[in-house]
Amino acid sequence: MERISWDQYFMSQSHLLALRSTCTRLMVGATIVRENRIIAGGYNGSVTGGAHCIDDGCYVVDNHCIRTIHAEVNALLQCAKFGVATEGSEIYVTHFPCVHCSKAIIQAGIKTVYYAKDYKNHPYANEMFQEAGINVVQVQLEEVSLDPAYNEKKELTISLLEKLKKAGVSKEELLTYQEQVSRLFMIGK
């Protein structure tokens, strides 16, 4: 078995952290790394001991939930709380950072931002990263990095489709299955 890359490893960690999110609008995870070692992680959620969006709903002001602390800030605060330096580190985030998180990332001395998904990418965030000399790299998470049996499942599913075709399943029904398989395994994307 081939080992996953460092980028896939750290991005997988961020996606795992996102599963702890208490936000009902968007689950985000962030992992801060220095010299290929994880130094902190965070997810978007409420302050310690406070009400959570999953319990009381989002507290939205100007189309933004003000109840939550963003994943990137939670990871940075974890470093501050335990006295871990962030200068020269890297951050892996499931979604492109908002303007406020971008400012915090710059002030923390992080040198590279890796993100998986575009999300309201604000031009000013990009401009600030560029002015600060911060590398911004999109890293798509490969499903195989989370599921070691991913390729086997994909091959089995495709072979079952072939057997359905040979068994005489109608073209309409087969097309429906093929579309579902393409979506599940991101075939053709």
Foldseek 3Di string as FASTA:
>chain_A
DDDDDLLLVQLVVFVVQLVPELAPPGRKKKFKFDPSHTDFIFIKFADVPDDTCNGVNFDDDPNDGPRIDHGLVRRVVVCVVVVHQRAAIEMEMAEDDDQVSLVVCLVSNHAEYEYAYYDPDDVVSVVVCVVSNHHYHYDHHQVCSVPVCLVVVLVVLVVVLVVCVVVPDDPVVSVVSVVVSCVVNVPPD
